[in-house]
Amino acid sequence: MSVINNYDNFFLPAGDLEEAKDFYRNKLGLETKFDFSDKGMTAFKVGDNEPAIILSNLPQAKPAIWFTVNNVQEAYDALKQKGITFLSEPFEIMTGWAVEFNDPFGNKLGLTDYSKTK
């Protein structure tokens, strides 16, 4: 049984957030989900889907897909037992907890829970 429930968000690097906002909002016609430009992130909705495209101009930004789980710590422990090597210990975010790892091909994946919103 999988510990993953659903997609959470899709992260993409963007060197210039203003240019990125213009492209995604004005050219692609996507609606802003949130704009935390002061923290280096802006998110865009895609239709009625909960997952968003989150653009970041932070230097460490890499393309990533995050998934939702019921409890990050439990998922972390279960996947670690299966040989997953994580990039860090679980860390706190505004909505709960998260942790990231790479698949065998170098693609960054993450897990998050919404424990602060329940």
PDB file of N, CA and C in Angstrom:
ATOM      1  N   MET A   1       0.837  -1.177   0.000  1.00  0.00           N
ATOM      2  CA  MET A   1       0.000   0.000   0.000  1.00  0.00           C
ATOM      3  C   MET A   1       0.883   1.241   0.000  1.00  0.00           C
ATOM      4  N   SER A   2       0.530   2.232  -0.784  1.00  0.00           N
ATOM      5  CA  SER A   2       1.305   3.452  -0.916  1.00  0.00           C
ATOM      6  C   SER A   2       1.021   4.424   0.224  1.00  0.00           C
ATOM      7  N   VAL A   3       2.051   5.143   0.641  1.00  0.00           N
ATOM      8  CA  VAL A   3       1.867   6.191   1.637  1.00  0.00           C
ATOM      9  C   VAL A   3       1.436   7.500   0.970  1.00  0.00           C
ATOM     10  N   ILE A   4       1.506   7.549  -0.360  1.00  0.00           N
ATOM     11  CA  ILE A   4       1.182   8.761  -1.122  1.00  0.00           C
ATOM     12  C   ILE A   4      -0.311   8.815  -1.408  1.00  0.00           C
ATOM     13  N   ASN A   5      -0.920   9.958  -1.112  1.00  0.00           N
ATOM     14  CA  ASN A   5      -2.355  10.143  -1.338  1.00  0.00           C
ATOM     15  C   ASN A   5      -2.680  10.799  -2.674  1.00  0.00           C
ATOM     16  N   ASN A   6      -1.927  11.854  -3.024  1.00  0.00           N
ATOM     17  CA  ASN A   6      -2.277  12.648  -4.191  1.00  0.00           C
ATOM     18  C   ASN A   6      -1.105  13.559  -4.541  1.00  0.00           C
ATOM     19  N   TYR A   7      -1.239  14.264  -5.665  1.00  0.00           N
ATOM     20  CA  TYR A   7      -0.280  15.310  -5.991  1.00  0.00           C
ATOM     21  C   TYR A   7      -0.492  16.470  -5.038  1.00  0.00           C
ATOM     22  N   ASP A   8       0.591  17.151  -4.696  1.00  0.00           N
ATOM     23  CA  ASP A   8       0.471  18.380  -3.921  1.00  0.00           C
ATOM     24  C   ASP A   8       0.746  19.565  -4.837  1.00  0.00           C
ATOM     25  N   ASN A   9       1.989  19.757  -5.232  1.00  0.00           N
ATOM     26  CA  ASN A   9       2.336  20.880  -6.104  1.00  0.00           C
ATOM     27  C   ASN A   9       3.489  20.497  -7.015  1.00  0.00           C
ATOM     28  N   PHE A  10       3.647  21.300  -8.067  1.00  0.00           N
ATOM     29  CA  PHE A  10       4.733  21.144  -9.025  1.00  0.00           C
ATOM     30  C   PHE A  10       5.608  22.381  -8.911  1.00  0.00           C
ATOM     31  N   PHE A  11       6.874  22.203  -8.592  1.00  0.00           N
ATOM     32  CA  PHE A  11       7.796  23.314  -8.378  1.00  0.00           C
ATOM     33  C   PHE A  11       8.693  23.490  -9.601  1.00  0.00           C
ATOM     34  N   LEU A  12       8.830  24.741 -10.034  1.00  0.00           N
ATOM     35  CA  LEU A  12       9.704  25.061 -11.154  1.00  0.00           C
ATOM     36  C   LEU A  12      10.556  26.273 -10.807  1.00  0.00           C
ATOM     37  N   PRO A  13      11.838  26.259 -11.161  1.00  0.00           N
ATOM     38  CA  PRO A  13      12.665  27.440 -10.928  1.00  0.00           C
ATOM     39  C   PRO A  13      12.308  28.541 -11.926  1.00  0.00           C
ATOM     40  N   ALA A  14      12.415  29.777 -11.473  1.00  0.00           N
ATOM     41  CA  ALA A  14      12.169  30.941 -12.327  1.00  0.00           C
ATOM     42  C   ALA A  14      13.138  32.035 -11.907  1.00  0.00           C
ATOM     43  N   GLY A  15      14.069  32.353 -12.755  1.00  0.00           N
ATOM     44  CA  GLY A  15      15.076  33.353 -12.410  1.00  0.00           C
ATOM     45  C   GLY A  15      14.492  34.726 -12.143  1.00  0.00           C
ATOM     46  N   ASP A  16      13.398  35.057 -12.809  1.00  0.00           N
ATOM     47  CA  ASP A  16      12.777  36.377 -12.675  1.00  0.00           C
ATOM     48  C   ASP A  16      11.288  36.175 -12.408  1.00  0.00           C
ATOM     49  N   LEU A  17      10.865  36.385 -11.170  1.00  0.00           N
ATOM     50  CA  LEU A  17       9.456  36.135 -10.818  1.00  0.00           C
ATOM     51  C   LEU A  17       8.498  37.063 -11.553  1.00  0.00           C
ATOM     52  N   GLU A  18       8.890  38.298 -11.787  1.00  0.00           N
ATOM     53  CA  GLU A  18       7.993  39.215 -12.505  1.00  0.00           C
ATOM     54  C   GLU A  18       7.757  38.727 -13.931  1.00  0.00           C
ATOM     55  N   GLU A  19       8.804  38.283 -14.587  1.00  0.00           N
ATOM     56  CA  GLU A  19       8.678  37.733 -15.941  1.00  0.00           C
ATOM     57  C   GLU A  19       7.850  36.452 -15.908  1.00  0.00           C
ATOM     58  N   ALA A  20       8.091  35.622 -14.903  1.00  0.00           N
ATOM     59  CA  ALA A  20       7.333  34.376 -14.759  1.00  0.00           C
ATOM     60  C   ALA A  20       5.852  34.665 -14.537  1.00  0.00           C
ATOM     61  N   LYS A  21       5.540  35.635 -13.659  1.00  0.00           N
ATOM     62  CA  LYS A  21       4.140  35.990 -13.397  1.00  0.00           C
ATOM     63  C   LYS A  21       3.467  36.494 -14.671  1.00  0.00           C
ATOM     64  N   ASP A  22       4.191  37.305 -15.444  1.00  0.00           N
ATOM     65  CA  ASP A  22       3.636  37.794 -16.711  1.00  0.00           C
ATOM     66  C   ASP A  22       3.332  36.628 -17.646  1.00  0.00           C
ATOM     67  N   PHE A  23       4.261  35.686 -17.768  1.00  0.00           N
ATOM     68  CA  PHE A  23       4.074  34.548 -18.671  1.00  0.00           C
ATOM     69  C   PHE A  23       2.897  33.678 -18.245  1.00  0.00           C
ATOM     70  N   TYR A  24       2.903  33.237 -16.990  1.00  0.00           N
ATOM     71  CA  TYR A  24       1.873  32.308 -16.532  1.00  0.00           C
ATOM     72  C   TYR A  24       0.495  32.970 -16.421  1.00  0.00           C
ATOM     73  N   ARG A  25       0.458  34.242 -16.008  1.00  0.00           N
ATOM     74  CA  ARG A  25      -0.820  34.928 -15.848  1.00  0.00           C
ATOM     75  C   ARG A  25      -1.336  35.464 -17.189  1.00  0.00           C
ATOM     76  N   ASN A  26      -0.500  36.219 -17.890  1.00  0.00           N
ATOM     77  CA  ASN A  26      -0.969  36.941 -19.074  1.00  0.00           C
ATOM     78  C   ASN A  26      -0.883  36.147 -20.371  1.00  0.00           C
ATOM     79  N   LYS A  27       0.066  35.266 -20.471  1.00  0.00           N
ATOM     80  CA  LYS A  27       0.182  34.489 -21.708  1.00  0.00           C
ATOM     81  C   LYS A  27      -0.560  33.158 -21.610  1.00  0.00           C
ATOM     82  N   LEU A  28      -0.393  32.434 -20.491  1.00  0.00           N
ATOM     83  CA  LEU A  28      -1.089  31.156 -20.329  1.00  0.00           C
ATOM     84  C   LEU A  28      -2.488  31.320 -19.750  1.00  0.00           C
ATOM     85  N   GLY A  29      -2.768  32.481 -19.152  1.00  0.00           N
ATOM     86  CA  GLY A  29      -4.097  32.753 -18.606  1.00  0.00           C
ATOM     87  C   GLY A  29      -4.401  32.050 -17.302  1.00  0.00           C
ATOM     88  N   LEU A  30      -3.365  31.669 -16.540  1.00  0.00           N
ATOM     89  CA  LEU A  30      -3.588  30.985 -15.269  1.00  0.00           C
ATOM     90  C   LEU A  30      -3.832  32.001 -14.149  1.00  0.00           C
ATOM     91  N   GLU A  31      -4.657  31.601 -13.197  1.00  0.00           N
ATOM     92  CA  GLU A  31      -4.993  32.450 -12.062  1.00  0.00           C
ATOM     93  C   GLU A  31      -3.963  32.261 -10.952  1.00  0.00           C
ATOM     94  N   THR A  32      -3.586  33.357 -10.325  1.00  0.00           N
ATOM     95  CA  THR A  32      -2.655  33.293  -9.200  1.00  0.00           C
ATOM     96  C   THR A  32      -3.325  32.598  -8.024  1.00  0.00           C
ATOM     97  N   LYS A  33      -2.666  31.601  -7.458  1.00  0.00           N
ATOM     98  CA  LYS A  33      -3.170  30.923  -6.260  1.00  0.00           C
ATOM     99  C   LYS A  33      -2.665  31.645  -5.017  1.00  0.00           C
ATOM    100  N   PHE A  34      -1.368  31.955  -5.006  1.00  0.00           N
ATOM    101  CA  PHE A  34      -0.802  32.816  -3.971  1.00  0.00           C
ATOM    102  C   PHE A  34       0.455  33.458  -4.512  1.00  0.00           C
ATOM    103  N   ASP A  35       0.801  34.603  -3.940  1.00  0.00           N
ATOM    104  CA  ASP A  35       1.992  35.331  -4.361  1.00  0.00           C
ATOM    105  C   ASP A  35       2.798  35.697  -3.122  1.00  0.00           C
ATOM    106  N   PHE A  36       3.847  34.933  -2.895  1.00  0.00           N
ATOM    107  CA  PHE A  36       4.773  35.205  -1.801  1.00  0.00           C
ATOM    108  C   PHE A  36       6.108  35.631  -2.415  1.00  0.00           C
ATOM    109  N   SER A  37       6.046  36.611  -3.311  1.00  0.00           N
ATOM    110  CA  SER A  37       7.259  37.077  -3.985  1.00  0.00           C
ATOM    111  C   SER A  37       8.330  37.469  -2.982  1.00  0.00           C
ATOM    112  N   ASP A  38       7.907  38.010  -1.828  1.00  0.00           N
ATOM    113  CA  ASP A  38       8.873  38.405  -0.800  1.00  0.00           C
ATOM    114  C   ASP A  38       9.617  37.200  -0.221  1.00  0.00           C
ATOM    115  N   LYS A  39       9.047  36.001  -0.394  1.00  0.00           N
ATOM    116  CA  LYS A  39       9.700  34.762   0.051  1.00  0.00           C
ATOM    117  C   LYS A  39      10.241  33.967  -1.129  1.00  0.00           C
ATOM    118  N   GLY A  40      10.167  34.547  -2.345  1.00  0.00           N
ATOM    119  CA  GLY A  40      10.725  33.906  -3.522  1.00  0.00           C
ATOM    120  C   GLY A  40       9.827  32.912  -4.213  1.00  0.00           C
ATOM    121  N   MET A  41       8.471  33.008  -3.980  1.00  0.00           N
ATOM    122  CA  MET A  41       7.555  32.041  -4.589  1.00  0.00           C
ATOM    123  C   MET A  41       6.256  32.692  -5.054  1.00  0.00           C
ATOM    124  N   THR A  42       5.754  32.207  -6.165  1.00  0.00           N
ATOM    125  CA  THR A  42       4.431  32.550  -6.663  1.00  0.00           C
ATOM    126  C   THR A  42       3.810  31.275  -7.210  1.00  0.00           C
ATOM    127  N   ALA A  43       2.515  31.075  -6.937  1.00  0.00           N
ATOM    128  CA  ALA A  43       1.838  29.851  -7.379  1.00  0.00           C
ATOM    129  C   ALA A  43       0.673  30.189  -8.294  1.00  0.00           C
ATOM    130  N   PHE A  44       0.439  29.302  -9.243  1.00  0.00           N
ATOM    131  CA  PHE A  44      -0.660  29.453 -10.194  1.00  0.00           C
ATOM    132  C   PHE A  44      -1.550  28.223 -10.179  1.00  0.00           C
ATOM    133  N   LYS A  45      -2.856  28.471 -10.199  1.00  0.00           N
ATOM    134  CA  LYS A  45      -3.846  27.398 -10.281  1.00  0.00           C
ATOM    135  C   LYS A  45      -3.882  26.859 -11.702  1.00  0.00           C
ATOM    136  N   VAL A  46      -4.203  25.584 -11.826  1.00  0.00           N
ATOM    137  CA  VAL A  46      -4.447  24.980 -13.131  1.00  0.00           C
ATOM    138  C   VAL A  46      -5.856  24.407 -13.062  1.00  0.00           C
ATOM    139  N   GLY A  47      -6.804  25.098 -13.669  1.00  0.00           N
ATOM    140  CA  GLY A  47      -8.203  24.679 -13.614  1.00  0.00           C
ATOM    141  C   GLY A  47      -8.700  24.655 -12.184  1.00  0.00           C
ATOM    142  N   ASP A  48      -9.500  23.650 -11.859  1.00  0.00           N
ATOM    143  CA  ASP A  48     -10.049  23.507 -10.513  1.00  0.00           C
ATOM    144  C   ASP A  48      -9.219  22.561  -9.652  1.00  0.00           C
ATOM    145  N   ASN A  49      -8.031  22.204 -10.127  1.00  0.00           N
ATOM    146  CA  ASN A  49      -7.179  21.270  -9.391  1.00  0.00           C
ATOM    147  C   ASN A  49      -6.576  21.925  -8.163  1.00  0.00           C
ATOM    148  N   GLU A  50      -6.449  21.170  -7.093  1.00  0.00           N
ATOM    149  CA  GLU A  50      -5.792  21.683  -5.883  1.00  0.00           C
ATOM    150  C   GLU A  50      -4.291  21.879  -6.116  1.00  0.00           C
ATOM    151  N   PRO A  51      -3.580  20.929  -6.761  1.00  0.00           N
ATOM    152  CA  PRO A  51      -2.154  21.147  -7.001  1.00  0.00           C
ATOM    153  C   PRO A  51      -1.925  22.382  -7.863  1.00  0.00           C
ATOM    154  N   ALA A  52      -0.854  23.078  -7.569  1.00  0.00           N
ATOM    155  CA  ALA A  52      -0.521  24.299  -8.300  1.00  0.00           C
ATOM    156  C   ALA A  52       0.882  24.183  -8.879  1.00  0.00           C
ATOM    157  N   ILE A  53       1.189  25.097  -9.797  1.00  0.00           N
ATOM    158  CA  ILE A  53       2.553  25.274 -10.279  1.00  0.00           C
ATOM    159  C   ILE A  53       3.150  26.370  -9.407  1.00  0.00           C
ATOM    160  N   ILE A  54       4.196  26.045  -8.668  1.00  0.00           N
ATOM    161  CA  ILE A  54       4.847  27.022  -7.811  1.00  0.00           C
ATOM    162  C   ILE A  54       6.192  27.376  -8.423  1.00  0.00           C
ATOM    163  N   LEU A  55       6.356  28.654  -8.739  1.00  0.00           N
ATOM    164  CA  LEU A  55       7.593  29.160  -9.327  1.00  0.00           C
ATOM    165  C   LEU A  55       8.435  29.780  -8.231  1.00  0.00           C
ATOM    166  N   SER A  56       9.730  29.521  -8.263  1.00  0.00           N
ATOM    167  CA  SER A  56      10.624  30.041  -7.229  1.00  0.00           C
ATOM    168  C   SER A  56      11.880  30.620  -7.851  1.00  0.00           C
ATOM    169  N   ASN A  57      12.299  31.776  -7.314  1.00  0.00           N
ATOM    170  CA  ASN A  57      13.554  32.367  -7.774  1.00  0.00           C
ATOM    171  C   ASN A  57      14.676  32.153  -6.771  1.00  0.00           C
ATOM    172  N   LEU A  58      14.461  31.270  -5.803  1.00  0.00           N
ATOM    173  CA  LEU A  58      15.506  30.975  -4.836  1.00  0.00           C
ATOM    174  C   LEU A  58      16.658  30.246  -5.521  1.00  0.00           C
ATOM    175  N   PRO A  59      17.886  30.523  -5.124  1.00  0.00           N
ATOM    176  CA  PRO A  59      19.048  29.916  -5.816  1.00  0.00           C
ATOM    177  C   PRO A  59      19.038  28.388  -5.821  1.00  0.00           C
ATOM    178  N   GLN A  60      18.505  27.755  -4.775  1.00  0.00           N
ATOM    179  CA  GLN A  60      18.492  26.300  -4.691  1.00  0.00           C
ATOM    180  C   GLN A  60      17.286  25.666  -5.391  1.00  0.00           C
ATOM    181  N   ALA A  61      16.427  26.485  -6.017  1.00  0.00           N
ATOM    182  CA  ALA A  61      15.213  25.971  -6.653  1.00  0.00           C
ATOM    183  C   ALA A  61      15.554  25.002  -7.787  1.00  0.00           C
ATOM    184  N   LYS A  62      14.879  23.852  -7.751  1.00  0.00           N
ATOM    185  CA  LYS A  62      15.010  22.833  -8.792  1.00  0.00           C
ATOM    186  C   LYS A  62      13.602  22.346  -9.121  1.00  0.00           C
ATOM    187  N   PRO A  63      13.377  21.824 -10.316  1.00  0.00           N
ATOM    188  CA  PRO A  63      12.074  21.229 -10.597  1.00  0.00           C
ATOM    189  C   PRO A  63      11.793  20.100  -9.606  1.00  0.00           C
ATOM    190  N   ALA A  64      10.568  20.042  -9.107  1.00  0.00           N
ATOM    191  CA  ALA A  64      10.194  19.012  -8.143  1.00  0.00           C
ATOM    192  C   ALA A  64       8.695  18.765  -8.190  1.00  0.00           C
ATOM    193  N   ILE A  65       8.314  17.564  -7.826  1.00  0.00           N
ATOM    194  CA  ILE A  65       6.906  17.208  -7.640  1.00  0.00           C
ATOM    195  C   ILE A  65       6.756  16.798  -6.187  1.00  0.00           C
ATOM    196  N   TRP A  66       5.779  17.400  -5.518  1.00  0.00           N
ATOM    197  CA  TRP A  66       5.480  17.008  -4.142  1.00  0.00           C
ATOM    198  C   TRP A  66       4.156  16.272  -4.118  1.00  0.00           C
ATOM    199  N   PHE A  67       4.055  15.323  -3.194  1.00  0.00           N
ATOM    200  CA  PHE A  67       2.859  14.519  -2.993  1.00  0.00           C
ATOM    201  C   PHE A  67       2.344  14.722  -1.572  1.00  0.00           C
ATOM    202  N   THR A  68       1.043  14.553  -1.385  1.00  0.00           N
ATOM    203  CA  THR A  68       0.490  14.635  -0.037  1.00  0.00           C
ATOM    204  C   THR A  68       0.512  13.249   0.603  1.00  0.00           C
ATOM    205  N   VAL A  69       0.724  13.259   1.904  1.00  0.00           N
ATOM    206  CA  VAL A  69       0.668  12.059   2.732  1.00  0.00           C
ATOM    207  C   VAL A  69      -0.100  12.421   3.998  1.00  0.00           C
ATOM    208  N   ASN A  70      -0.549  11.420   4.715  1.00  0.00           N
ATOM    209  CA  ASN A  70      -1.271  11.698   5.958  1.00  0.00           C
ATOM    210  C   ASN A  70      -0.357  12.268   7.029  1.00  0.00           C
ATOM    211  N   ASN A  71       0.874  11.735   7.104  1.00  0.00           N
ATOM    212  CA  ASN A  71       1.803  12.135   8.144  1.00  0.00           C
ATOM    213  C   ASN A  71       3.217  12.009   7.582  1.00  0.00           C
ATOM    214  N   VAL A  72       3.909  13.123   7.453  1.00  0.00           N
ATOM    215  CA  VAL A  72       5.245  13.110   6.854  1.00  0.00           C
ATOM    216  C   VAL A  72       6.209  12.230   7.639  1.00  0.00           C
ATOM    217  N   GLN A  73       6.212  12.325   8.951  1.00  0.00           N
ATOM    218  CA  GLN A  73       7.156  11.538   9.742  1.00  0.00           C
ATOM    219  C   GLN A  73       6.939  10.043   9.530  1.00  0.00           C
ATOM    220  N   GLU A  74       5.680   9.602   9.527  1.00  0.00           N
ATOM    221  CA  GLU A  74       5.392   8.182   9.308  1.00  0.00           C
ATOM    222  C   GLU A  74       5.795   7.750   7.902  1.00  0.00           C
ATOM    223  N   ALA A  75       5.515   8.575   6.886  1.00  0.00           N
ATOM    224  CA  ALA A  75       5.898   8.250   5.509  1.00  0.00           C
ATOM    225  C   ALA A  75       7.425   8.225   5.374  1.00  0.00           C
ATOM    226  N   TYR A  76       8.078   9.174   5.999  1.00  0.00           N
ATOM    227  CA  TYR A  76       9.543   9.236   6.008  1.00  0.00           C
ATOM    228  C   TYR A  76      10.120   7.942   6.582  1.00  0.00           C
ATOM    229  N   ASP A  77       9.616   7.526   7.736  1.00  0.00           N
ATOM    230  CA  ASP A  77      10.100   6.300   8.374  1.00  0.00           C
ATOM    231  C   ASP A  77       9.855   5.068   7.498  1.00  0.00           C
ATOM    232  N   ALA A  78       8.665   4.971   6.909  1.00  0.00           N
ATOM    233  CA  ALA A  78       8.318   3.811   6.079  1.00  0.00           C
ATOM    234  C   ALA A  78       9.182   3.751   4.815  1.00  0.00           C
ATOM    235  N   LEU A  79       9.390   4.893   4.165  1.00  0.00           N
ATOM    236  CA  LEU A  79      10.181   4.904   2.931  1.00  0.00           C
ATOM    237  C   LEU A  79      11.673   4.738   3.217  1.00  0.00           C
ATOM    238  N   LYS A  80      12.112   5.245   4.338  1.00  0.00           N
ATOM    239  CA  LYS A  80      13.516   5.059   4.726  1.00  0.00           C
ATOM    240  C   LYS A  80      13.811   3.569   4.904  1.00  0.00           C
ATOM    241  N   GLN A  81      12.860   2.827   5.470  1.00  0.00           N
ATOM    242  CA  GLN A  81      13.027   1.375   5.636  1.00  0.00           C
ATOM    243  C   GLN A  81      13.093   0.660   4.289  1.00  0.00           C
ATOM    244  N   LYS A  82      12.544   1.284   3.250  1.00  0.00           N
ATOM    245  CA  LYS A  82      12.588   0.690   1.909  1.00  0.00           C
ATOM    246  C   LYS A  82      13.811   1.140   1.122  1.00  0.00           C
ATOM    247  N   GLY A  83      14.709   1.889   1.773  1.00  0.00           N
ATOM    248  CA  GLY A  83      15.953   2.278   1.119  1.00  0.00           C
ATOM    249  C   GLY A  83      15.972   3.660   0.506  1.00  0.00           C
ATOM    250  N   ILE A  84      14.929   4.445   0.703  1.00  0.00           N
ATOM    251  CA  ILE A  84      14.927   5.822   0.177  1.00  0.00           C
ATOM    252  C   ILE A  84      15.915   6.649   0.996  1.00  0.00           C
ATOM    253  N   THR A  85      16.772   7.392   0.307  1.00  0.00           N
ATOM    254  CA  THR A  85      17.698   8.312   0.957  1.00  0.00           C
ATOM    255  C   THR A  85      17.131   9.719   0.813  1.00  0.00           C
ATOM    256  N   PHE A  86      16.858  10.358   1.925  1.00  0.00           N
ATOM    257  CA  PHE A  86      16.253  11.690   1.920  1.00  0.00           C
ATOM    258  C   PHE A  86      17.319  12.776   1.901  1.00  0.00           C
ATOM    259  N   LEU A  87      16.939  13.939   1.405  1.00  0.00           N
ATOM    260  CA  LEU A  87      17.859  15.068   1.320  1.00  0.00           C
ATOM    261  C   LEU A  87      18.021  15.773   2.663  1.00  0.00           C
ATOM    262  N   SER A  88      17.088  15.530   3.576  1.00  0.00           N
ATOM    263  CA  SER A  88      17.143  16.123   4.910  1.00  0.00           C
ATOM    264  C   SER A  88      16.188  15.348   5.812  1.00  0.00           C
ATOM    265  N   GLU A  89      16.165  15.719   7.057  1.00  0.00           N
ATOM    266  CA  GLU A  89      15.128  15.256   7.974  1.00  0.00           C
ATOM    267  C   GLU A  89      13.844  16.001   7.605  1.00  0.00           C
ATOM    268  N   PRO A  90      12.663  15.531   8.012  1.00  0.00           N
ATOM    269  CA  PRO A  90      11.429  16.298   7.783  1.00  0.00           C
ATOM    270  C   PRO A  90      11.560  17.709   8.382  1.00  0.00           C
ATOM    271  N   PHE A  91      11.012  18.685   7.660  1.00  0.00           N
ATOM    272  CA  PHE A  91      11.113  20.086   8.101  1.00  0.00           C
ATOM    273  C   PHE A  91       9.725  20.720   8.107  1.00  0.00           C
ATOM    274  N   GLU A  92       9.578  21.708   8.965  1.00  0.00           N
ATOM    275  CA  GLU A  92       8.299  22.389   9.142  1.00  0.00           C
ATOM    276  C   GLU A  92       8.096  23.432   8.045  1.00  0.00           C
ATOM    277  N   ILE A  93       6.871  23.478   7.505  1.00  0.00           N
ATOM    278  CA  ILE A  93       6.475  24.504   6.547  1.00  0.00           C
ATOM    279  C   ILE A  93       5.194  25.162   7.063  1.00  0.00           C
ATOM    280  N   MET A  94       4.676  26.152   6.357  1.00  0.00           N
ATOM    281  CA  MET A  94       3.514  26.904   6.839  1.00  0.00           C
ATOM    282  C   MET A  94       2.280  26.029   7.068  1.00  0.00           C
ATOM    283  N   THR A  95       2.105  24.983   6.277  1.00  0.00           N
ATOM    284  CA  THR A  95       0.887  24.168   6.365  1.00  0.00           C
ATOM    285  C   THR A  95       1.068  22.854   7.120  1.00  0.00           C
ATOM    286  N   GLY A  96       2.292  22.505   7.453  1.00  0.00           N
ATOM    287  CA  GLY A  96       2.535  21.234   8.143  1.00  0.00           C
ATOM    288  C   GLY A  96       3.997  20.868   8.108  1.00  0.00           C
ATOM    289  N   TRP A  97       4.288  19.666   7.585  1.00  0.00           N
ATOM    290  CA  TRP A  97       5.650  19.150   7.491  1.00  0.00           C
ATOM    291  C   TRP A  97       5.943  18.688   6.080  1.00  0.00           C
ATOM    292  N   ALA A  98       7.226  18.658   5.706  1.00  0.00           N
ATOM    293  CA  ALA A  98       7.640  18.228   4.368  1.00  0.00           C
ATOM    294  C   ALA A  98       9.008  17.569   4.458  1.00  0.00           C
ATOM    295  N   VAL A  99       9.339  16.828   3.415  1.00  0.00           N
ATOM    296  CA  VAL A  99      10.657  16.214   3.270  1.00  0.00           C
ATOM    297  C   VAL A  99      10.863  15.926   1.784  1.00  0.00           C
ATOM    298  N   GLU A 100      12.119  15.958   1.342  1.00  0.00           N
ATOM    299  CA  GLU A 100      12.408  15.742  -0.076  1.00  0.00           C
ATOM    300  C   GLU A 100      13.443  14.637  -0.264  1.00  0.00           C
ATOM    301  N   PHE A 101      13.403  14.046  -1.463  1.00  0.00           N
ATOM    302  CA  PHE A 101      14.345  13.003  -1.850  1.00  0.00           C
ATOM    303  C   PHE A 101      14.427  12.998  -3.362  1.00  0.00           C
ATOM    304  N   ASN A 102      15.428  12.307  -3.890  1.00  0.00           N
ATOM    305  CA  ASN A 102      15.571  12.145  -5.338  1.00  0.00           C
ATOM    306  C   ASN A 102      15.208  10.719  -5.721  1.00  0.00           C
ATOM    307  N   ASP A 103      14.589  10.572  -6.885  1.00  0.00           N
ATOM    308  CA  ASP A 103      14.380   9.224  -7.404  1.00  0.00           C
ATOM    309  C   ASP A 103      15.718   8.730  -7.969  1.00  0.00           C
ATOM    310  N   PRO A 104      15.801   7.494  -8.457  1.00  0.00           N
ATOM    311  CA  PRO A 104      17.092   6.979  -8.950  1.00  0.00           C
ATOM    312  C   PRO A 104      17.653   7.743 -10.148  1.00  0.00           C
ATOM    313  N   PHE A 105      16.861   8.622 -10.762  1.00  0.00           N
ATOM    314  CA  PHE A 105      17.293   9.329 -11.962  1.00  0.00           C
ATOM    315  C   PHE A 105      17.597  10.799 -11.684  1.00  0.00           C
ATOM    316  N   GLY A 106      17.569  11.191 -10.399  1.00  0.00           N
ATOM    317  CA  GLY A 106      17.901  12.557 -10.025  1.00  0.00           C
ATOM    318  C   GLY A 106      16.725  13.519  -9.998  1.00  0.00           C
ATOM    319  N   ASN A 107      15.511  13.030 -10.219  1.00  0.00           N
ATOM    320  CA  ASN A 107      14.331  13.890 -10.149  1.00  0.00           C
ATOM    321  C   ASN A 107      13.972  14.130  -8.688  1.00  0.00           C
ATOM    322  N   LYS A 108      13.754  15.394  -8.333  1.00  0.00           N
ATOM    323  CA  LYS A 108      13.420  15.722  -6.948  1.00  0.00           C
ATOM    324  C   LYS A 108      11.934  15.493  -6.696  1.00  0.00           C
ATOM    325  N   LEU A 109      11.658  14.760  -5.616  1.00  0.00           N
ATOM    326  CA  LEU A 109      10.287  14.484  -5.179  1.00  0.00           C
ATOM    327  C   LEU A 109      10.166  14.912  -3.721  1.00  0.00           C
ATOM    328  N   GLY A 110       8.952  15.232  -3.303  1.00  0.00           N
ATOM    329  CA  GLY A 110       8.745  15.623  -1.920  1.00  0.00           C
ATOM    330  C   GLY A 110       7.448  15.079  -1.380  1.00  0.00           C
ATOM    331  N   LEU A 111       7.373  15.039  -0.071  1.00  0.00           N
ATOM    332  CA  LEU A 111       6.169  14.627   0.629  1.00  0.00           C
ATOM    333  C   LEU A 111       5.758  15.766   1.550  1.00  0.00           C
ATOM    334  N   THR A 112       4.480  16.005   1.674  1.00  0.00           N
ATOM    335  CA  THR A 112       3.985  17.016   2.593  1.00  0.00           C
ATOM    336  C   THR A 112       2.687  16.566   3.222  1.00  0.00           C
ATOM    337  N   ASP A 113       2.449  17.049   4.425  1.00  0.00           N
ATOM    338  CA  ASP A 113       1.151  16.837   5.051  1.00  0.00           C
ATOM    339  C   ASP A 113       0.568  18.220   5.377  1.00  0.00           C
ATOM    340  N   TYR A 114      -0.667  18.246   5.692  1.00  0.00           N
ATOM    341  CA  TYR A 114      -1.359  19.495   6.026  1.00  0.00           C
ATOM    342  C   TYR A 114      -1.776  19.457   7.487  1.00  0.00           C
ATOM    343  N   SER A 115      -0.855  19.008   8.339  1.00  0.00           N
ATOM    344  CA  SER A 115      -1.171  18.802   9.744  1.00  0.00           C
ATOM    345  C   SER A 115      -1.502  20.100  10.481  1.00  0.00           C
ATOM    346  N   LYS A 116      -1.063  21.235   9.984  1.00  0.00           N
ATOM    347  CA  LYS A 116      -1.384  22.508  10.645  1.00  0.00           C
ATOM    348  C   LYS A 116      -2.745  23.044  10.225  1.00  0.00           C
ATOM    349  N   THR A 117      -3.352  22.447   9.209  1.00  0.00           N
ATOM    350  CA  THR A 117      -4.630  22.957   8.713  1.00  0.00           C
ATOM    351  C   THR A 117      -5.798  22.063   9.111  1.00  0.00           C
ATOM    352  N   LYS A 118      -5.527  20.975   9.814  1.00  0.00           N
ATOM    353  CA  LYS A 118      -6.582  20.030  10.170  1.00  0.00           C
ATOM    354  C   LYS A 118      -7.284  20.438  11.454  1.00  0.00           C
TER     355      LYS A 118
END
